[in-house]
Amino acid sequence: HQISLHLGKPFETTNTGKVGDHMVPMPHLGLVLGYDEWRKVADRLE
């Protein structure tokens, strides 16, 4: 997918999205991957 990152002030977020027992930032950008690719990304981030 194409993302364009422009210099400027990032959008404001609030932790108002309920995911299970967690409150997560809204709005947020999301992506769906197959599990194997997801695991590789999680490992790189960790």
PDB file of all heavy atoms in Angstrom:
ATOM      1  N   HIS A   1       0.855  -1.189   0.000  1.00  0.00           N
ATOM      2  CA  HIS A   1       0.000   0.000   0.000  1.00  0.00           C
ATOM      3  C   HIS A   1       0.890   1.238   0.000  1.00  0.00           C
ATOM      4  O   HIS A   1       2.028   1.188   0.459  1.00  0.00           O
ATOM      5  CB  HIS A   1      -0.920  -0.002   1.217  1.00  0.00           C
ATOM      6  CG  HIS A   1      -1.751  -1.239   1.291  1.00  0.00           C
ATOM      7  ND1 HIS A   1      -2.861  -1.439   0.505  1.00  0.00           N
ATOM      8  CD2 HIS A   1      -1.607  -2.367   2.035  1.00  0.00           C
ATOM      9  CE1 HIS A   1      -3.384  -2.620   0.762  1.00  0.00           C
ATOM     10  NE2 HIS A   1      -2.637  -3.203   1.682  1.00  0.00           N
ATOM     11  N   GLN A   2       0.372   2.339  -0.501  1.00  0.00           N
ATOM     12  CA  GLN A   2       1.183   3.546  -0.605  1.00  0.00           C
ATOM     13  C   GLN A   2       0.892   4.490   0.563  1.00  0.00           C
ATOM     14  O   GLN A   2      -0.246   4.925   0.755  1.00  0.00           O
ATOM     15  CB  GLN A   2       0.899   4.281  -1.908  1.00  0.00           C
ATOM     16  CG  GLN A   2       1.799   5.488  -2.105  1.00  0.00           C
ATOM     17  CD  GLN A   2       1.344   6.353  -3.256  1.00  0.00           C
ATOM     18  OE1 GLN A   2       0.166   6.649  -3.399  1.00  0.00           O
ATOM     19  NE2 GLN A   2       2.296   6.748  -4.098  1.00  0.00           N
ATOM     20  N   ILE A   3       1.941   4.781   1.336  1.00  0.00           N
ATOM     21  CA  ILE A   3       1.834   5.815   2.350  1.00  0.00           C
ATOM     22  C   ILE A   3       2.755   6.954   1.958  1.00  0.00           C
ATOM     23  O   ILE A   3       3.844   6.736   1.425  1.00  0.00           O
ATOM     24  CB  ILE A   3       2.145   5.313   3.780  1.00  0.00           C
ATOM     25  CG1 ILE A   3       3.544   4.727   3.885  1.00  0.00           C
ATOM     26  CG2 ILE A   3       1.087   4.329   4.246  1.00  0.00           C
ATOM     27  CD1 ILE A   3       3.967   4.410   5.311  1.00  0.00           C
ATOM     28  N   SER A   4       2.274   8.171   2.171  1.00  0.00           N
ATOM     29  CA  SER A   4       3.055   9.372   1.903  1.00  0.00           C
ATOM     30  C   SER A   4       3.219  10.105   3.221  1.00  0.00           C
ATOM     31  O   SER A   4       2.228  10.499   3.845  1.00  0.00           O
ATOM     32  CB  SER A   4       2.337  10.272   0.894  1.00  0.00           C
ATOM     33  OG  SER A   4       2.222   9.620  -0.347  1.00  0.00           O
ATOM     34  N   LEU A   5       4.457  10.251   3.640  1.00  0.00           N
ATOM     35  CA  LEU A   5       4.759  10.887   4.915  1.00  0.00           C
ATOM     36  C   LEU A   5       5.260  12.295   4.640  1.00  0.00           C
ATOM     37  O   LEU A   5       6.290  12.476   3.994  1.00  0.00           O
ATOM     38  CB  LEU A   5       5.813  10.068   5.662  1.00  0.00           C
ATOM     39  CG  LEU A   5       5.459   8.589   5.834  1.00  0.00           C
ATOM     40  CD1 LEU A   5       6.596   7.847   6.509  1.00  0.00           C
ATOM     41  CD2 LEU A   5       4.154   8.416   6.586  1.00  0.00           C
ATOM     42  N   HIS A   6       4.512  13.288   5.103  1.00  0.00           N
ATOM     43  CA  HIS A   6       4.812  14.690   4.857  1.00  0.00           C
ATOM     44  C   HIS A   6       5.259  15.362   6.136  1.00  0.00           C
ATOM     45  O   HIS A   6       4.710  15.075   7.215  1.00  0.00           O
ATOM     46  CB  HIS A   6       3.562  15.415   4.331  1.00  0.00           C
ATOM     47  CG  HIS A   6       3.145  14.975   2.973  1.00  0.00           C
ATOM     48  ND1 HIS A   6       3.358  15.742   1.854  1.00  0.00           N
ATOM     49  CD2 HIS A   6       2.549  13.835   2.544  1.00  0.00           C
ATOM     50  CE1 HIS A   6       2.888  15.106   0.780  1.00  0.00           C
ATOM     51  NE2 HIS A   6       2.393  13.949   1.187  1.00  0.00           N
ATOM     52  N   LEU A   7       6.235  16.261   6.029  1.00  0.00           N
ATOM     53  CA  LEU A   7       6.652  17.024   7.204  1.00  0.00           C
ATOM     54  C   LEU A   7       5.499  17.883   7.701  1.00  0.00           C
ATOM     55  O   LEU A   7       4.829  18.556   6.915  1.00  0.00           O
ATOM     56  CB  LEU A   7       7.836  17.929   6.866  1.00  0.00           C
ATOM     57  CG  LEU A   7       9.203  17.257   6.831  1.00  0.00           C
ATOM     58  CD1 LEU A   7      10.261  18.266   6.381  1.00  0.00           C
ATOM     59  CD2 LEU A   7       9.563  16.678   8.189  1.00  0.00           C
ATOM     60  N   GLY A   8       5.258  17.826   8.986  1.00  0.00           N
ATOM     61  CA  GLY A   8       4.184  18.615   9.575  1.00  0.00           C
ATOM     62  C   GLY A   8       3.866  18.108  10.968  1.00  0.00           C
ATOM     63  O   GLY A   8       4.563  17.246  11.510  1.00  0.00           O
ATOM     64  N   LYS A   9       2.788  18.618  11.523  1.00  0.00           N
ATOM     65  CA  LYS A   9       2.369  18.224  12.867  1.00  0.00           C
ATOM     66  C   LYS A   9       1.512  16.964  12.772  1.00  0.00           C
ATOM     67  O   LYS A   9       0.456  16.981  12.126  1.00  0.00           O
ATOM     68  CB  LYS A   9       1.568  19.347  13.520  1.00  0.00           C
ATOM     69  CG  LYS A   9       1.123  19.027  14.918  1.00  0.00           C
ATOM     70  CD  LYS A   9       0.323  20.154  15.525  1.00  0.00           C
ATOM     71  CE  LYS A   9      -0.145  19.737  16.913  1.00  0.00           C
ATOM     72  NZ  LYS A   9      -1.143  20.643  17.447  1.00  0.00           N
ATOM     73  N   PRO A  10       1.936  15.851  13.405  1.00  0.00           N
ATOM     74  CA  PRO A  10       1.142  14.623  13.378  1.00  0.00           C
ATOM     75  C   PRO A  10      -0.261  14.852  13.957  1.00  0.00           C
ATOM     76  O   PRO A  10      -0.463  15.733  14.795  1.00  0.00           O
ATOM     77  CB  PRO A  10       1.944  13.659  14.242  1.00  0.00           C
ATOM     78  CG  PRO A  10       3.357  14.145  14.104  1.00  0.00           C
ATOM     79  CD  PRO A  10       3.216  15.657  14.077  1.00  0.00           C
ATOM     80  N   PHE A  11      -1.214  14.038  13.521  1.00  0.00           N
ATOM     81  CA  PHE A  11      -2.591  14.181  13.978  1.00  0.00           C
ATOM     82  C   PHE A  11      -2.715  13.842  15.464  1.00  0.00           C
ATOM     83  O   PHE A  11      -1.964  13.036  15.999  1.00  0.00           O
ATOM     84  CB  PHE A  11      -3.556  13.346  13.136  1.00  0.00           C
ATOM     85  CG  PHE A  11      -3.262  11.868  13.042  1.00  0.00           C
ATOM     86  CD1 PHE A  11      -3.740  10.983  14.001  1.00  0.00           C
ATOM     87  CD2 PHE A  11      -2.537  11.354  11.971  1.00  0.00           C
ATOM     88  CE1 PHE A  11      -3.502   9.620  13.906  1.00  0.00           C
ATOM     89  CE2 PHE A  11      -2.290   9.990  11.861  1.00  0.00           C
ATOM     90  CZ  PHE A  11      -2.774   9.120  12.844  1.00  0.00           C
ATOM     91  N   GLU A  12      -3.668  14.482  16.099  1.00  0.00           N
ATOM     92  CA  GLU A  12      -3.911  14.266  17.524  1.00  0.00           C
ATOM     93  C   GLU A  12      -4.649  12.948  17.722  1.00  0.00           C
ATOM     94  O   GLU A  12      -5.519  12.581  16.931  1.00  0.00           O
ATOM     95  CB  GLU A  12      -4.765  15.416  18.068  1.00  0.00           C
ATOM     96  CG  GLU A  12      -4.995  15.341  19.554  1.00  0.00           C
ATOM     97  CD  GLU A  12      -5.791  16.524  20.070  1.00  0.00           C
ATOM     98  OE1 GLU A  12      -5.720  17.605  19.460  1.00  0.00           O
ATOM     99  OE2 GLU A  12      -6.477  16.350  21.083  1.00  0.00           O
ATOM    100  N   THR A  13      -4.287  12.227  18.767  1.00  0.00           N
ATOM    101  CA  THR A  13      -4.964  10.978  19.098  1.00  0.00           C
ATOM    102  C   THR A  13      -5.351  10.974  20.571  1.00  0.00           C
ATOM    103  O   THR A  13      -4.778  11.707  21.372  1.00  0.00           O
ATOM    104  CB  THR A  13      -4.067   9.754  18.816  1.00  0.00           C
ATOM    105  OG1 THR A  13      -2.925   9.794  19.672  1.00  0.00           O
ATOM    106  CG2 THR A  13      -3.625   9.701  17.367  1.00  0.00           C
ATOM    107  N   THR A  14      -6.315  10.128  20.895  1.00  0.00           N
ATOM    108  CA  THR A  14      -6.695   9.892  22.285  1.00  0.00           C
ATOM    109  C   THR A  14      -6.864   8.393  22.477  1.00  0.00           C
ATOM    110  O   THR A  14      -7.222   7.677  21.540  1.00  0.00           O
ATOM    111  CB  THR A  14      -8.014  10.604  22.646  1.00  0.00           C
ATOM    112  OG1 THR A  14      -9.043  10.155  21.752  1.00  0.00           O
ATOM    113  CG2 THR A  14      -7.882  12.116  22.547  1.00  0.00           C
ATOM    114  N   ASN A  15      -6.606   7.915  23.662  1.00  0.00           N
ATOM    115  CA  ASN A  15      -6.740   6.480  23.953  1.00  0.00           C
ATOM    116  C   ASN A  15      -8.190   6.159  24.292  1.00  0.00           C
ATOM    117  O   ASN A  15      -8.550   5.928  25.444  1.00  0.00           O
ATOM    118  CB  ASN A  15      -5.807   6.077  25.096  1.00  0.00           C
ATOM    119  CG  ASN A  15      -4.354   6.109  24.680  1.00  0.00           C
ATOM    120  OD1 ASN A  15      -4.042   6.116  23.497  1.00  0.00           O
ATOM    121  ND2 ASN A  15      -3.466   6.143  25.633  1.00  0.00           N
ATOM    122  N   THR A  16      -9.013   6.121  23.246  1.00  0.00           N
ATOM    123  CA  THR A  16     -10.442   5.898  23.431  1.00  0.00           C
ATOM    124  C   THR A  16     -10.957   4.649  22.726  1.00  0.00           C
ATOM    125  O   THR A  16     -12.144   4.366  22.774  1.00  0.00           O
ATOM    126  CB  THR A  16     -11.243   7.116  22.931  1.00  0.00           C
ATOM    127  OG1 THR A  16     -10.902   7.348  21.556  1.00  0.00           O
ATOM    128  CG2 THR A  16     -10.934   8.361  23.750  1.00  0.00           C
ATOM    129  N   GLY A  17     -10.073   3.900  22.063  1.00  0.00           N
ATOM    130  CA  GLY A  17     -10.486   2.672  21.381  1.00  0.00           C
ATOM    131  C   GLY A  17     -10.315   1.479  22.310  1.00  0.00           C
ATOM    132  O   GLY A  17      -9.216   1.199  22.765  1.00  0.00           O
ATOM    133  N   LYS A  18     -11.417   0.786  22.611  1.00  0.00           N
ATOM    134  CA  LYS A  18     -11.336  -0.361  23.525  1.00  0.00           C
ATOM    135  C   LYS A  18     -11.020  -1.625  22.740  1.00  0.00           C
ATOM    136  O   LYS A  18     -11.770  -2.022  21.856  1.00  0.00           O
ATOM    137  CB  LYS A  18     -12.644  -0.517  24.288  1.00  0.00           C
ATOM    138  CG  LYS A  18     -12.560  -1.549  25.389  1.00  0.00           C
ATOM    139  CD  LYS A  18     -13.680  -1.364  26.385  1.00  0.00           C
ATOM    140  CE  LYS A  18     -13.707  -2.422  27.460  1.00  0.00           C
ATOM    141  NZ  LYS A  18     -12.522  -2.539  28.261  1.00  0.00           N
ATOM    142  N   VAL A  19      -9.888  -2.241  23.061  1.00  0.00           N
ATOM    143  CA  VAL A  19      -9.463  -3.504  22.462  1.00  0.00           C
ATOM    144  C   VAL A  19      -9.256  -4.468  23.622  1.00  0.00           C
ATOM    145  O   VAL A  19      -8.257  -4.369  24.339  1.00  0.00           O
ATOM    146  CB  VAL A  19      -8.162  -3.343  21.639  1.00  0.00           C
ATOM    147  CG1 VAL A  19      -7.681  -4.693  21.134  1.00  0.00           C
ATOM    148  CG2 VAL A  19      -8.381  -2.385  20.478  1.00  0.00           C
ATOM    149  N   GLY A  20     -10.210  -5.355  23.827  1.00  0.00           N
ATOM    150  CA  GLY A  20     -10.146  -6.239  24.995  1.00  0.00           C
ATOM    151  C   GLY A  20     -10.187  -5.398  26.255  1.00  0.00           C
ATOM    152  O   GLY A  20     -11.103  -4.592  26.446  1.00  0.00           O
ATOM    153  N   ASP A  21      -9.163  -5.540  27.077  1.00  0.00           N
ATOM    154  CA  ASP A  21      -9.058  -4.762  28.314  1.00  0.00           C
ATOM    155  C   ASP A  21      -8.201  -3.517  28.144  1.00  0.00           C
ATOM    156  O   ASP A  21      -7.880  -2.855  29.120  1.00  0.00           O
ATOM    157  CB  ASP A  21      -8.462  -5.633  29.432  1.00  0.00           C
ATOM    158  CG  ASP A  21      -9.369  -6.793  29.793  1.00  0.00           C
ATOM    159  OD1 ASP A  21     -10.603  -6.636  29.686  1.00  0.00           O
ATOM    160  OD2 ASP A  21      -8.852  -7.859  30.187  1.00  0.00           O
ATOM    161  N   HIS A  22      -7.811  -3.202  26.927  1.00  0.00           N
ATOM    162  CA  HIS A  22      -6.879  -2.093  26.666  1.00  0.00           C
ATOM    163  C   HIS A  22      -7.585  -0.947  25.950  1.00  0.00           C
ATOM    164  O   HIS A  22      -8.469  -1.158  25.136  1.00  0.00           O
ATOM    165  CB  HIS A  22      -5.704  -2.573  25.806  1.00  0.00           C
ATOM    166  CG  HIS A  22      -4.963  -3.714  26.410  1.00  0.00           C
ATOM    167  ND1 HIS A  22      -3.975  -3.540  27.341  1.00  0.00           N
ATOM    168  CD2 HIS A  22      -5.072  -5.048  26.217  1.00  0.00           C
ATOM    169  CE1 HIS A  22      -3.507  -4.719  27.707  1.00  0.00           C
ATOM    170  NE2 HIS A  22      -4.153  -5.650  27.036  1.00  0.00           N
ATOM    171  N   MET A  23      -7.128   0.251  26.249  1.00  0.00           N
ATOM    172  CA  MET A  23      -7.581   1.441  25.532  1.00  0.00           C
ATOM    173  C   MET A  23      -6.450   1.837  24.583  1.00  0.00           C
ATOM    174  O   MET A  23      -5.318   2.049  25.030  1.00  0.00           O
ATOM    175  CB  MET A  23      -7.900   2.574  26.499  1.00  0.00           C
ATOM    176  CG  MET A  23      -9.034   2.239  27.465  1.00  0.00           C
ATOM    177  SD  MET A  23     -10.588   1.754  26.682  1.00  0.00           S
ATOM    178  CE  MET A  23     -11.158   3.333  26.078  1.00  0.00           C
ATOM    179  N   VAL A  24      -6.750   1.909  23.308  1.00  0.00           N
ATOM    180  CA  VAL A  24      -5.727   2.165  22.295  1.00  0.00           C
ATOM    181  C   VAL A  24      -5.990   3.497  21.598  1.00  0.00           C
ATOM    182  O   VAL A  24      -7.096   4.024  21.642  1.00  0.00           O
ATOM    183  CB  VAL A  24      -5.660   1.009  21.272  1.00  0.00           C
ATOM    184  CG1 VAL A  24      -5.288  -0.298  21.953  1.00  0.00           C
ATOM    185  CG2 VAL A  24      -6.968   0.872  20.514  1.00  0.00           C
ATOM    186  N   PRO A  25      -4.947   4.038  20.938  1.00  0.00           N
ATOM    187  CA  PRO A  25      -5.075   5.348  20.294  1.00  0.00           C
ATOM    188  C   PRO A  25      -6.073   5.350  19.140  1.00  0.00           C
ATOM    189  O   PRO A  25      -6.092   4.445  18.312  1.00  0.00           O
ATOM    190  CB  PRO A  25      -3.668   5.629  19.774  1.00  0.00           C
ATOM    191  CG  PRO A  25      -2.770   4.650  20.417  1.00  0.00           C
ATOM    192  CD  PRO A  25      -3.600   3.488  20.808  1.00  0.00           C
ATOM    193  N   MET A  26      -6.861   6.405  19.121  1.00  0.00           N
ATOM    194  CA  MET A  26      -7.807   6.646  18.033  1.00  0.00           C
ATOM    195  C   MET A  26      -7.568   8.058  17.532  1.00  0.00           C
ATOM    196  O   MET A  26      -7.393   8.955  18.353  1.00  0.00           O
ATOM    197  CB  MET A  26      -9.247   6.507  18.526  1.00  0.00           C
ATOM    198  CG  MET A  26      -9.603   5.098  18.958  1.00  0.00           C
ATOM    199  SD  MET A  26      -9.540   3.893  17.636  1.00  0.00           S
ATOM    200  CE  MET A  26     -10.881   4.437  16.594  1.00  0.00           C
ATOM    201  N   PRO A  27      -7.576   8.303  16.250  1.00  0.00           N
ATOM    202  CA  PRO A  27      -7.576   7.276  15.212  1.00  0.00           C
ATOM    203  C   PRO A  27      -6.205   6.612  15.097  1.00  0.00           C
ATOM    204  O   PRO A  27      -5.225   7.107  15.651  1.00  0.00           O
ATOM    205  CB  PRO A  27      -7.896   8.074  13.946  1.00  0.00           C
ATOM    206  CG  PRO A  27      -7.366   9.443  14.213  1.00  0.00           C
ATOM    207  CD  PRO A  27      -7.538   9.662  15.693  1.00  0.00           C
ATOM    208  N   HIS A  28      -6.165   5.508  14.376  1.00  0.00           N
ATOM    209  CA  HIS A  28      -4.891   4.853  14.094  1.00  0.00           C
ATOM    210  C   HIS A  28      -4.961   4.215  12.712  1.00  0.00           C
ATOM    211  O   HIS A  28      -6.031   3.986  12.181  1.00  0.00           O
ATOM    212  CB  HIS A  28      -4.535   3.804  15.158  1.00  0.00           C
ATOM    213  CG  HIS A  28      -5.527   2.690  15.283  1.00  0.00           C
ATOM    214  ND1 HIS A  28      -6.549   2.718  16.214  1.00  0.00           N
ATOM    215  CD2 HIS A  28      -5.672   1.518  14.618  1.00  0.00           C
ATOM    216  CE1 HIS A  28      -7.260   1.608  16.117  1.00  0.00           C
ATOM    217  NE2 HIS A  28      -6.762   0.858  15.145  1.00  0.00           N
ATOM    218  N   LEU A  29      -3.792   3.971  12.152  1.00  0.00           N
ATOM    219  CA  LEU A  29      -3.658   3.312  10.859  1.00  0.00           C
ATOM    220  C   LEU A  29      -3.486   1.829  11.115  1.00  0.00           C
ATOM    221  O   LEU A  29      -2.721   1.441  12.008  1.00  0.00           O
ATOM    222  CB  LEU A  29      -2.441   3.865  10.107  1.00  0.00           C
ATOM    223  CG  LEU A  29      -1.995   3.136   8.848  1.00  0.00           C
ATOM    224  CD1 LEU A  29      -3.065   3.252   7.770  1.00  0.00           C
ATOM    225  CD2 LEU A  29      -0.682   3.698   8.348  1.00  0.00           C
ATOM    226  N   GLY A  30      -4.199   1.005  10.390  1.00  0.00           N
ATOM    227  CA  GLY A  30      -4.096  -0.433  10.591  1.00  0.00           C
ATOM    228  C   GLY A  30      -3.753  -1.176   9.320  1.00  0.00           C
ATOM    229  O   GLY A  30      -3.922  -0.671   8.212  1.00  0.00           O
ATOM    230  N   LEU A  31      -3.269  -2.392   9.511  1.00  0.00           N
ATOM    231  CA  LEU A  31      -2.863  -3.247   8.408  1.00  0.00           C
ATOM    232  C   LEU A  31      -3.142  -4.684   8.799  1.00  0.00           C
ATOM    233  O   LEU A  31      -2.987  -5.051   9.972  1.00  0.00           O
ATOM    234  CB  LEU A  31      -1.366  -3.061   8.139  1.00  0.00           C
ATOM    235  CG  LEU A  31      -0.735  -3.865   7.025  1.00  0.00           C
ATOM    236  CD1 LEU A  31      -1.253  -3.393   5.664  1.00  0.00           C
ATOM    237  CD2 LEU A  31       0.777  -3.734   7.067  1.00  0.00           C
ATOM    238  N   VAL A  32      -3.555  -5.497   7.842  1.00  0.00           N
ATOM    239  CA  VAL A  32      -3.792  -6.924   8.065  1.00  0.00           C
ATOM    240  C   VAL A  32      -2.781  -7.707   7.238  1.00  0.00           C
ATOM    241  O   VAL A  32      -2.642  -7.484   6.039  1.00  0.00           O
ATOM    242  CB  VAL A  32      -5.227  -7.320   7.665  1.00  0.00           C
ATOM    243  CG1 VAL A  32      -5.436  -8.816   7.799  1.00  0.00           C
ATOM    244  CG2 VAL A  32      -6.249  -6.550   8.499  1.00  0.00           C
ATOM    245  N   LEU A  33      -2.079  -8.621   7.906  1.00  0.00           N
ATOM    246  CA  LEU A  33      -1.098  -9.490   7.245  1.00  0.00           C
ATOM    247  C   LEU A  33      -1.413 -10.939   7.554  1.00  0.00           C
ATOM    248  O   LEU A  33      -2.088 -11.237   8.550  1.00  0.00           O
ATOM    249  CB  LEU A  33       0.313  -9.189   7.764  1.00  0.00           C
ATOM    250  CG  LEU A  33       0.883  -7.805   7.535  1.00  0.00           C
ATOM    251  CD1 LEU A  33       2.222  -7.663   8.261  1.00  0.00           C
ATOM    252  CD2 LEU A  33       1.057  -7.535   6.039  1.00  0.00           C
ATOM    253  N   GLY A  34      -0.877 -11.836   6.732  1.00  0.00           N
ATOM    254  CA  GLY A  34      -0.888 -13.239   7.097  1.00  0.00           C
ATOM    255  C   GLY A  34       0.003 -13.420   8.323  1.00  0.00           C
ATOM    256  O   GLY A  34       0.931 -12.636   8.557  1.00  0.00           O
ATOM    257  N   TYR A  35      -0.273 -14.456   9.111  1.00  0.00           N
ATOM    258  CA  TYR A  35       0.429 -14.621  10.379  1.00  0.00           C
ATOM    259  C   TYR A  35       1.949 -14.679  10.222  1.00  0.00           C
ATOM    260  O   TYR A  35       2.671 -14.056  10.997  1.00  0.00           O
ATOM    261  CB  TYR A  35      -0.050 -15.866  11.130  1.00  0.00           C
ATOM    262  CG  TYR A  35       0.743 -16.076  12.389  1.00  0.00           C
ATOM    263  CD1 TYR A  35       0.464 -15.326  13.532  1.00  0.00           C
ATOM    264  CD2 TYR A  35       1.806 -16.981  12.429  1.00  0.00           C
ATOM    265  CE1 TYR A  35       1.213 -15.475  14.680  1.00  0.00           C
ATOM    266  CE2 TYR A  35       2.557 -17.135  13.583  1.00  0.00           C
ATOM    267  CZ  TYR A  35       2.264 -16.389  14.701  1.00  0.00           C
ATOM    268  OH  TYR A  35       3.019 -16.531  15.844  1.00  0.00           O
ATOM    269  N   ASP A  36       2.465 -15.410   9.248  1.00  0.00           N
ATOM    270  CA  ASP A  36       3.923 -15.556   9.118  1.00  0.00           C
ATOM    271  C   ASP A  36       4.595 -14.206   8.888  1.00  0.00           C
ATOM    272  O   ASP A  36       5.629 -13.913   9.497  1.00  0.00           O
ATOM    273  CB  ASP A  36       4.283 -16.537   7.994  1.00  0.00           C
ATOM    274  CG  ASP A  36       3.887 -17.973   8.327  1.00  0.00           C
ATOM    275  OD1 ASP A  36       3.683 -18.292   9.520  1.00  0.00           O
ATOM    276  OD2 ASP A  36       3.770 -18.784   7.379  1.00  0.00           O
ATOM    277  N   GLU A  37       4.032 -13.373   8.017  1.00  0.00           N
ATOM    278  CA  GLU A  37       4.590 -12.044   7.779  1.00  0.00           C
ATOM    279  C   GLU A  37       4.433 -11.175   9.025  1.00  0.00           C
ATOM    280  O   GLU A  37       5.326 -10.424   9.386  1.00  0.00           O
ATOM    281  CB  GLU A  37       3.919 -11.379   6.568  1.00  0.00           C
ATOM    282  CG  GLU A  37       4.498 -10.036   6.210  1.00  0.00           C
ATOM    283  CD  GLU A  37       5.932 -10.078   5.683  1.00  0.00           C
ATOM    284  OE1 GLU A  37       6.407 -11.146   5.263  1.00  0.00           O
ATOM    285  OE2 GLU A  37       6.583  -9.018   5.695  1.00  0.00           O
ATOM    286  N   TRP A  38       3.276 -11.283   9.685  1.00  0.00           N
ATOM    287  CA  TRP A  38       3.030 -10.541  10.924  1.00  0.00           C
ATOM    288  C   TRP A  38       4.106 -10.871  11.960  1.00  0.00           C
ATOM    289  O   TRP A  38       4.652  -9.983  12.603  1.00  0.00           O
ATOM    290  CB  TRP A  38       1.637 -10.880  11.470  1.00  0.00           C
ATOM    291  CG  TRP A  38       1.302 -10.188  12.748  1.00  0.00           C
ATOM    292  CD1 TRP A  38       0.695  -8.968  12.875  1.00  0.00           C
ATOM    293  CD2 TRP A  38       1.571 -10.641  14.073  1.00  0.00           C
ATOM    294  NE1 TRP A  38       0.566  -8.649  14.215  1.00  0.00           N
ATOM    295  CE2 TRP A  38       1.099  -9.664  14.964  1.00  0.00           C
ATOM    296  CE3 TRP A  38       2.158 -11.793  14.601  1.00  0.00           C
ATOM    297  CZ2 TRP A  38       1.188  -9.785  16.356  1.00  0.00           C
ATOM    298  CZ3 TRP A  38       2.259 -11.924  15.985  1.00  0.00           C
ATOM    299  CH2 TRP A  38       1.774 -10.928  16.842  1.00  0.00           C
ATOM    300  N   ARG A  39       4.422 -12.151  12.105  1.00  0.00           N
ATOM    301  CA  ARG A  39       5.420 -12.588  13.090  1.00  0.00           C
ATOM    302  C   ARG A  39       6.791 -11.996  12.763  1.00  0.00           C
ATOM    303  O   ARG A  39       7.523 -11.573  13.663  1.00  0.00           O
ATOM    304  CB  ARG A  39       5.486 -14.118  13.124  1.00  0.00           C
ATOM    305  CG  ARG A  39       6.409 -14.713  14.148  1.00  0.00           C
ATOM    306  CD  ARG A  39       5.840 -14.573  15.556  1.00  0.00           C
ATOM    307  NE  ARG A  39       6.504 -13.479  16.250  1.00  0.00           N
ATOM    308  CZ  ARG A  39       6.092 -12.965  17.403  1.00  0.00           C
ATOM    309  NH1 ARG A  39       5.023 -13.412  17.991  1.00  0.00           N
ATOM    310  NH2 ARG A  39       6.748 -11.990  17.966  1.00  0.00           N
ATOM    311  N   LYS A  40       7.153 -11.950  11.480  1.00  0.00           N
ATOM    312  CA  LYS A  40       8.439 -11.354  11.087  1.00  0.00           C
ATOM    313  C   LYS A  40       8.491  -9.879  11.465  1.00  0.00           C
ATOM    314  O   LYS A  40       9.511  -9.392  11.960  1.00  0.00           O
ATOM    315  CB  LYS A  40       8.655 -11.514   9.573  1.00  0.00           C
ATOM    316  CG  LYS A  40       8.933 -12.931   9.129  1.00  0.00           C
ATOM    317  CD  LYS A  40       9.038 -12.996   7.617  1.00  0.00           C
ATOM    318  CE  LYS A  40       9.074 -14.429   7.135  1.00  0.00           C
ATOM    319  NZ  LYS A  40       9.034 -14.522   5.670  1.00  0.00           N
ATOM    320  N   VAL A  41       7.399  -9.163  11.221  1.00  0.00           N
ATOM    321  CA  VAL A  41       7.351  -7.731  11.565  1.00  0.00           C
ATOM    322  C   VAL A  41       7.427  -7.566  13.076  1.00  0.00           C
ATOM    323  O   VAL A  41       8.175  -6.721  13.584  1.00  0.00           O
ATOM    324  CB  VAL A  41       6.090  -7.067  10.984  1.00  0.00           C
ATOM    325  CG1 VAL A  41       5.947  -5.631  11.481  1.00  0.00           C
ATOM    326  CG2 VAL A  41       6.116  -7.105   9.460  1.00  0.00           C
ATOM    327  N   ALA A  42       6.683  -8.385  13.819  1.00  0.00           N
ATOM    328  CA  ALA A  42       6.722  -8.312  15.287  1.00  0.00           C
ATOM    329  C   ALA A  42       8.141  -8.562  15.795  1.00  0.00           C
ATOM    330  O   ALA A  42       8.622  -7.859  16.692  1.00  0.00           O
ATOM    331  CB  ALA A  42       5.745  -9.320  15.894  1.00  0.00           C
ATOM    332  N   ASP A  43       8.822  -9.535  15.218  1.00  0.00           N
ATOM    333  CA  ASP A  43      10.197  -9.840  15.639  1.00  0.00           C
ATOM    334  C   ASP A  43      11.132  -8.665  15.347  1.00  0.00           C
ATOM    335  O   ASP A  43      11.996  -8.336  16.164  1.00  0.00           O
ATOM    336  CB  ASP A  43      10.704 -11.107  14.944  1.00  0.00           C
ATOM    337  CG  ASP A  43      10.012 -12.378  15.440  1.00  0.00           C
ATOM    338  OD1 ASP A  43       9.342 -12.339  16.504  1.00  0.00           O
ATOM    339  OD2 ASP A  43      10.133 -13.410  14.737  1.00  0.00           O
ATOM    340  N   ARG A  44      10.978  -8.029  14.173  1.00  0.00           N
ATOM    341  CA  ARG A  44      11.823  -6.864  13.843  1.00  0.00           C
ATOM    342  C   ARG A  44      11.568  -5.725  14.820  1.00  0.00           C
ATOM    343  O   ARG A  44      12.507  -5.071  15.284  1.00  0.00           O
ATOM    344  CB  ARG A  44      11.574  -6.400  12.404  1.00  0.00           C
ATOM    345  CG  ARG A  44      12.224  -7.261  11.354  1.00  0.00           C
ATOM    346  CD  ARG A  44      12.344  -6.578  10.002  1.00  0.00           C
ATOM    347  NE  ARG A  44      11.115  -6.083   9.450  1.00  0.00           N
ATOM    348  CZ  ARG A  44      10.330  -6.748   8.587  1.00  0.00           C
ATOM    349  NH1 ARG A  44      10.654  -7.954   8.202  1.00  0.00           N
ATOM    350  NH2 ARG A  44       9.231  -6.190   8.127  1.00  0.00           N
ATOM    351  N   LEU A  45      10.301  -5.474  15.130  1.00  0.00           N
ATOM    352  CA  LEU A  45       9.957  -4.402  16.069  1.00  0.00           C
ATOM    353  C   LEU A  45      10.483  -4.712  17.469  1.00  0.00           C
ATOM    354  O   LEU A  45      11.024  -3.835  18.145  1.00  0.00           O
ATOM    355  CB  LEU A  45       8.448  -4.182  16.099  1.00  0.00           C
ATOM    356  CG  LEU A  45       7.869  -3.508  14.855  1.00  0.00           C
ATOM    357  CD1 LEU A  45       6.358  -3.682  14.804  1.00  0.00           C
ATOM    358  CD2 LEU A  45       8.244  -2.037  14.811  1.00  0.00           C
ATOM    359  N   GLU A  46      10.352  -5.957  17.905  1.00  0.00           N
ATOM    360  CA  GLU A  46      10.876  -6.339  19.218  1.00  0.00           C
ATOM    361  C   GLU A  46      12.387  -6.179  19.249  1.00  0.00           C
ATOM    362  O   GLU A  46      12.950  -5.664  20.217  1.00  0.00           O
ATOM    363  CB  GLU A  46      10.466  -7.777  19.556  1.00  0.00           C
ATOM    364  CG  GLU A  46       9.001  -7.891  19.909  1.00  0.00           C
ATOM    365  CD  GLU A  46       8.509  -9.322  20.104  1.00  0.00           C
ATOM    366  OE1 GLU A  46       9.122 -10.276  19.555  1.00  0.00           O
ATOM    367  OE2 GLU A  46       7.491  -9.479  20.795  1.00  0.00           O
TER     368      GLU A  46
END
